[in-house]
N, C-alpha and C. Protein backbone atom coordinates (compact mmCIF):
# COMPACT_ATOMS: atom_id res chain seq x y z
N UNK A 1 0.84 -1.17 0.00
CA UNK A 1 0.00 0.00 0.00
C UNK A 1 0.89 1.24 0.00
N UNK A 2 0.62 2.18 -0.88
CA UNK A 2 1.39 3.40 -1.00
C UNK A 2 0.89 4.46 0.00
N UNK A 3 1.73 5.48 0.25
CA UNK A 3 1.38 6.52 1.21
C UNK A 3 0.03 7.16 0.89
N UNK A 4 -0.20 7.48 -0.38
CA UNK A 4 -1.46 8.15 -0.73
C UNK A 4 -2.67 7.23 -0.50
N UNK A 5 -2.49 5.93 -0.65
CA UNK A 5 -3.57 4.98 -0.37
C UNK A 5 -3.84 4.91 1.13
N UNK A 6 -2.79 4.93 1.92
CA UNK A 6 -2.94 4.90 3.38
C UNK A 6 -3.65 6.17 3.84
N UNK A 7 -3.22 7.32 3.31
CA UNK A 7 -3.87 8.58 3.67
C UNK A 7 -5.34 8.60 3.24
N UNK A 8 -5.64 8.04 2.09
CA UNK A 8 -7.03 7.94 1.64
C UNK A 8 -7.86 7.09 2.59
N UNK A 9 -7.27 5.98 3.04
CA UNK A 9 -7.98 5.11 3.99
C UNK A 9 -8.18 5.83 5.32
N UNK A 10 -7.18 6.59 5.76
CA UNK A 10 -7.30 7.38 6.99
C UNK A 10 -8.45 8.36 6.85
N UNK A 11 -8.52 9.05 5.72
CA UNK A 11 -9.61 10.01 5.51
C UNK A 11 -10.97 9.33 5.52
N UNK A 12 -11.06 8.15 4.92
CA UNK A 12 -12.32 7.39 4.94
C UNK A 12 -12.73 7.02 6.36
N UNK A 13 -11.75 6.61 7.17
CA UNK A 13 -12.04 6.22 8.55
C UNK A 13 -12.47 7.42 9.39
N UNK A 14 -11.83 8.56 9.17
CA UNK A 14 -12.21 9.78 9.89
C UNK A 14 -13.64 10.18 9.51
N UNK A 15 -13.95 10.07 8.24
CA UNK A 15 -15.32 10.37 7.79
C UNK A 15 -16.32 9.42 8.43
N UNK A 16 -15.94 8.15 8.56
CA UNK A 16 -16.83 7.19 9.21
C UNK A 16 -17.04 7.55 10.68
N UNK A 17 -15.98 8.01 11.35
CA UNK A 17 -16.12 8.46 12.74
C UNK A 17 -17.18 9.56 12.84
N UNK A 18 -17.07 10.54 11.95
CA UNK A 18 -18.01 11.66 11.97
C UNK A 18 -19.43 11.18 11.70
N UNK A 19 -19.58 10.28 10.74
CA UNK A 19 -20.89 9.73 10.40
C UNK A 19 -21.50 8.99 11.58
N UNK A 20 -20.68 8.19 12.27
CA UNK A 20 -21.18 7.46 13.43
C UNK A 20 -21.68 8.40 14.51
N UNK A 21 -20.95 9.48 14.75
CA UNK A 21 -21.36 10.44 15.78
C UNK A 21 -22.65 11.15 15.38
N UNK A 22 -22.77 11.48 14.10
CA UNK A 22 -24.00 12.10 13.61
C UNK A 22 -25.19 11.15 13.75
N UNK A 23 -24.98 9.89 13.40
CA UNK A 23 -26.06 8.90 13.49
C UNK A 23 -26.49 8.71 14.94
N UNK A 24 -25.54 8.74 15.86
CA UNK A 24 -25.88 8.62 17.28
C UNK A 24 -26.73 9.81 17.72
N UNK A 25 -26.34 11.02 17.32
CA UNK A 25 -27.09 12.21 17.68
C UNK A 25 -28.51 12.18 17.12
N UNK A 26 -28.67 11.61 15.94
CA UNK A 26 -29.99 11.52 15.31
C UNK A 26 -30.81 10.36 15.86
N UNK A 27 -30.18 9.49 16.64
CA UNK A 27 -30.89 8.34 17.19
C UNK A 27 -30.96 7.16 16.24
N UNK A 28 -30.13 7.18 15.18
CA UNK A 28 -30.12 6.09 14.20
C UNK A 28 -29.40 4.84 14.70
N UNK A 29 -28.62 4.98 15.77
CA UNK A 29 -27.98 3.82 16.38
C UNK A 29 -27.78 4.09 17.86
N UNK A 30 -27.61 3.02 18.60
CA UNK A 30 -27.46 3.14 20.05
C UNK A 30 -26.03 3.54 20.41
N UNK A 31 -25.87 4.01 21.62
CA UNK A 31 -24.53 4.37 22.10
C UNK A 31 -23.60 3.17 22.08
N UNK A 32 -24.13 1.99 22.44
CA UNK A 32 -23.31 0.78 22.43
C UNK A 32 -22.84 0.44 21.01
N UNK A 33 -23.75 0.55 20.05
CA UNK A 33 -23.38 0.28 18.65
C UNK A 33 -22.32 1.27 18.17
N UNK A 34 -22.51 2.54 18.53
CA UNK A 34 -21.55 3.57 18.13
C UNK A 34 -20.18 3.30 18.75
N UNK A 35 -20.16 3.01 20.05
CA UNK A 35 -18.89 2.77 20.75
C UNK A 35 -18.16 1.55 20.19
N UNK A 36 -18.91 0.51 19.91
CA UNK A 36 -18.29 -0.71 19.37
C UNK A 36 -17.64 -0.43 18.02
N UNK A 37 -18.36 0.23 17.13
CA UNK A 37 -17.81 0.51 15.81
C UNK A 37 -16.69 1.54 15.89
N UNK A 38 -16.84 2.54 16.76
CA UNK A 38 -15.80 3.55 16.92
C UNK A 38 -14.49 2.92 17.38
N UNK A 39 -14.60 1.95 18.30
CA UNK A 39 -13.38 1.29 18.78
C UNK A 39 -12.65 0.62 17.61
N UNK A 40 -13.39 -0.05 16.75
CA UNK A 40 -12.79 -0.71 15.59
C UNK A 40 -12.17 0.31 14.65
N UNK A 41 -12.89 1.40 14.39
CA UNK A 41 -12.38 2.45 13.50
C UNK A 41 -11.10 3.06 14.07
N UNK A 42 -11.10 3.34 15.37
CA UNK A 42 -9.93 3.94 16.00
C UNK A 42 -8.73 3.00 15.96
N UNK A 43 -8.95 1.71 16.13
CA UNK A 43 -7.86 0.74 16.04
C UNK A 43 -7.30 0.72 14.63
N UNK A 44 -8.18 0.75 13.63
CA UNK A 44 -7.73 0.76 12.23
C UNK A 44 -6.96 2.04 11.92
N UNK A 45 -7.43 3.16 12.47
CA UNK A 45 -6.71 4.43 12.28
C UNK A 45 -5.30 4.34 12.87
N UNK A 46 -5.19 3.81 14.07
CA UNK A 46 -3.88 3.67 14.70
C UNK A 46 -2.95 2.80 13.85
N UNK A 47 -3.49 1.72 13.29
CA UNK A 47 -2.68 0.85 12.43
C UNK A 47 -2.23 1.59 11.18
N UNK A 48 -3.12 2.37 10.59
CA UNK A 48 -2.77 3.12 9.38
C UNK A 48 -1.68 4.15 9.67
N UNK A 49 -1.85 4.91 10.76
CA UNK A 49 -0.84 5.91 11.11
C UNK A 49 0.49 5.24 11.42
N UNK A 50 0.47 4.10 12.09
CA UNK A 50 1.70 3.37 12.38
C UNK A 50 2.39 2.95 11.09
N UNK A 51 1.63 2.42 10.16
CA UNK A 51 2.21 1.99 8.88
C UNK A 51 2.79 3.18 8.13
N UNK A 52 2.08 4.29 8.12
CA UNK A 52 2.57 5.49 7.43
C UNK A 52 3.87 5.99 8.08
N UNK A 53 3.92 5.99 9.42
CA UNK A 53 5.15 6.40 10.11
C UNK A 53 6.31 5.46 9.79
N UNK A 54 6.03 4.17 9.73
CA UNK A 54 7.07 3.20 9.37
C UNK A 54 7.61 3.49 7.98
N UNK A 55 6.70 3.72 7.04
CA UNK A 55 7.11 3.98 5.65
C UNK A 55 7.98 5.24 5.57
N UNK A 56 7.55 6.28 6.27
CA UNK A 56 8.31 7.54 6.25
C UNK A 56 9.68 7.37 6.91
N UNK A 57 9.73 6.63 8.00
CA UNK A 57 11.01 6.40 8.69
C UNK A 57 11.96 5.61 7.80
N UNK A 58 11.45 4.59 7.14
CA UNK A 58 12.29 3.79 6.25
C UNK A 58 12.82 4.66 5.10
N UNK A 59 11.95 5.49 4.56
CA UNK A 59 12.35 6.37 3.45
C UNK A 59 13.42 7.34 3.92
N UNK A 60 13.27 7.88 5.14
CA UNK A 60 14.23 8.86 5.68
C UNK A 60 15.63 8.29 5.87
N UNK A 61 15.74 6.99 6.10
CA UNK A 61 17.06 6.38 6.28
C UNK A 61 17.54 5.67 5.02
N UNK A 62 16.82 5.86 3.91
CA UNK A 62 17.25 5.28 2.65
C UNK A 62 16.79 3.86 2.39
N UNK A 63 15.91 3.34 3.24
CA UNK A 63 15.37 1.99 3.03
C UNK A 63 14.13 2.05 2.15
N UNK A 64 13.73 0.90 1.66
CA UNK A 64 12.54 0.79 0.83
C UNK A 64 11.29 0.89 1.71
N UNK A 65 10.45 1.89 1.49
CA UNK A 65 9.25 2.03 2.31
C UNK A 65 8.28 0.86 2.15
N UNK A 66 8.38 0.14 1.03
CA UNK A 66 7.50 -1.00 0.82
C UNK A 66 7.82 -2.16 1.75
N UNK A 67 8.93 -2.08 2.47
CA UNK A 67 9.28 -3.10 3.44
C UNK A 67 8.52 -2.96 4.75
N UNK A 68 7.84 -1.83 4.93
CA UNK A 68 7.02 -1.62 6.14
C UNK A 68 5.80 -2.53 6.08
N UNK A 69 5.42 -3.02 7.23
CA UNK A 69 4.27 -3.91 7.30
C UNK A 69 3.32 -3.49 8.41
N UNK A 70 2.04 -3.70 8.16
CA UNK A 70 1.03 -3.39 9.16
C UNK A 70 1.23 -4.30 10.36
N UNK A 71 1.21 -3.70 11.54
CA UNK A 71 1.40 -4.47 12.76
C UNK A 71 0.04 -4.83 13.36
N UNK A 72 0.00 -5.89 14.15
CA UNK A 72 -1.26 -6.29 14.78
C UNK A 72 -1.81 -5.19 15.70
N UNK A 73 -3.12 -5.15 15.81
CA UNK A 73 -3.78 -4.14 16.63
C UNK A 73 -3.24 -4.12 18.06
N UNK A 74 -3.08 -5.28 18.65
CA UNK A 74 -2.59 -5.35 20.02
C UNK A 74 -1.23 -4.71 20.20
N UNK A 75 -0.39 -4.85 19.21
CA UNK A 75 0.94 -4.26 19.29
C UNK A 75 0.86 -2.73 19.16
N UNK A 76 0.10 -2.27 18.18
CA UNK A 76 -0.02 -0.83 17.94
C UNK A 76 -0.74 -0.15 19.10
N UNK A 77 -1.78 -0.77 19.61
CA UNK A 77 -2.55 -0.19 20.70
C UNK A 77 -1.76 -0.19 22.02
N UNK A 78 -0.72 -1.00 22.12
CA UNK A 78 0.05 -1.09 23.33
C UNK A 78 1.17 -0.07 23.45
N UNK A 79 1.35 0.76 22.40
CA UNK A 79 2.41 1.77 22.45
C UNK A 79 2.10 2.82 23.48
N UNK A 80 3.14 3.30 24.14
CA UNK A 80 2.99 4.40 25.08
C UNK A 80 3.25 5.69 24.33
N UNK A 81 2.46 6.70 24.61
CA UNK A 81 2.62 8.00 23.95
C UNK A 81 3.62 8.85 24.70
């Protein structure tokens, strides 16, 4: 996956976050449904950002960015900020 594809996926996920919040406000879904889907979207966003950072870091040191790989959710979610 190329950087522009990753960024496109990030934008799609952010749009989905906004849509979920709007649907909750309108009463189209329950808070539990919204929270469950939001958790999944946020995990996918974290994975996308991690992959993009890996690609950029590899490029910055002269490595092939295509060598970066998506890491499991548990690993990405376990990072300390």
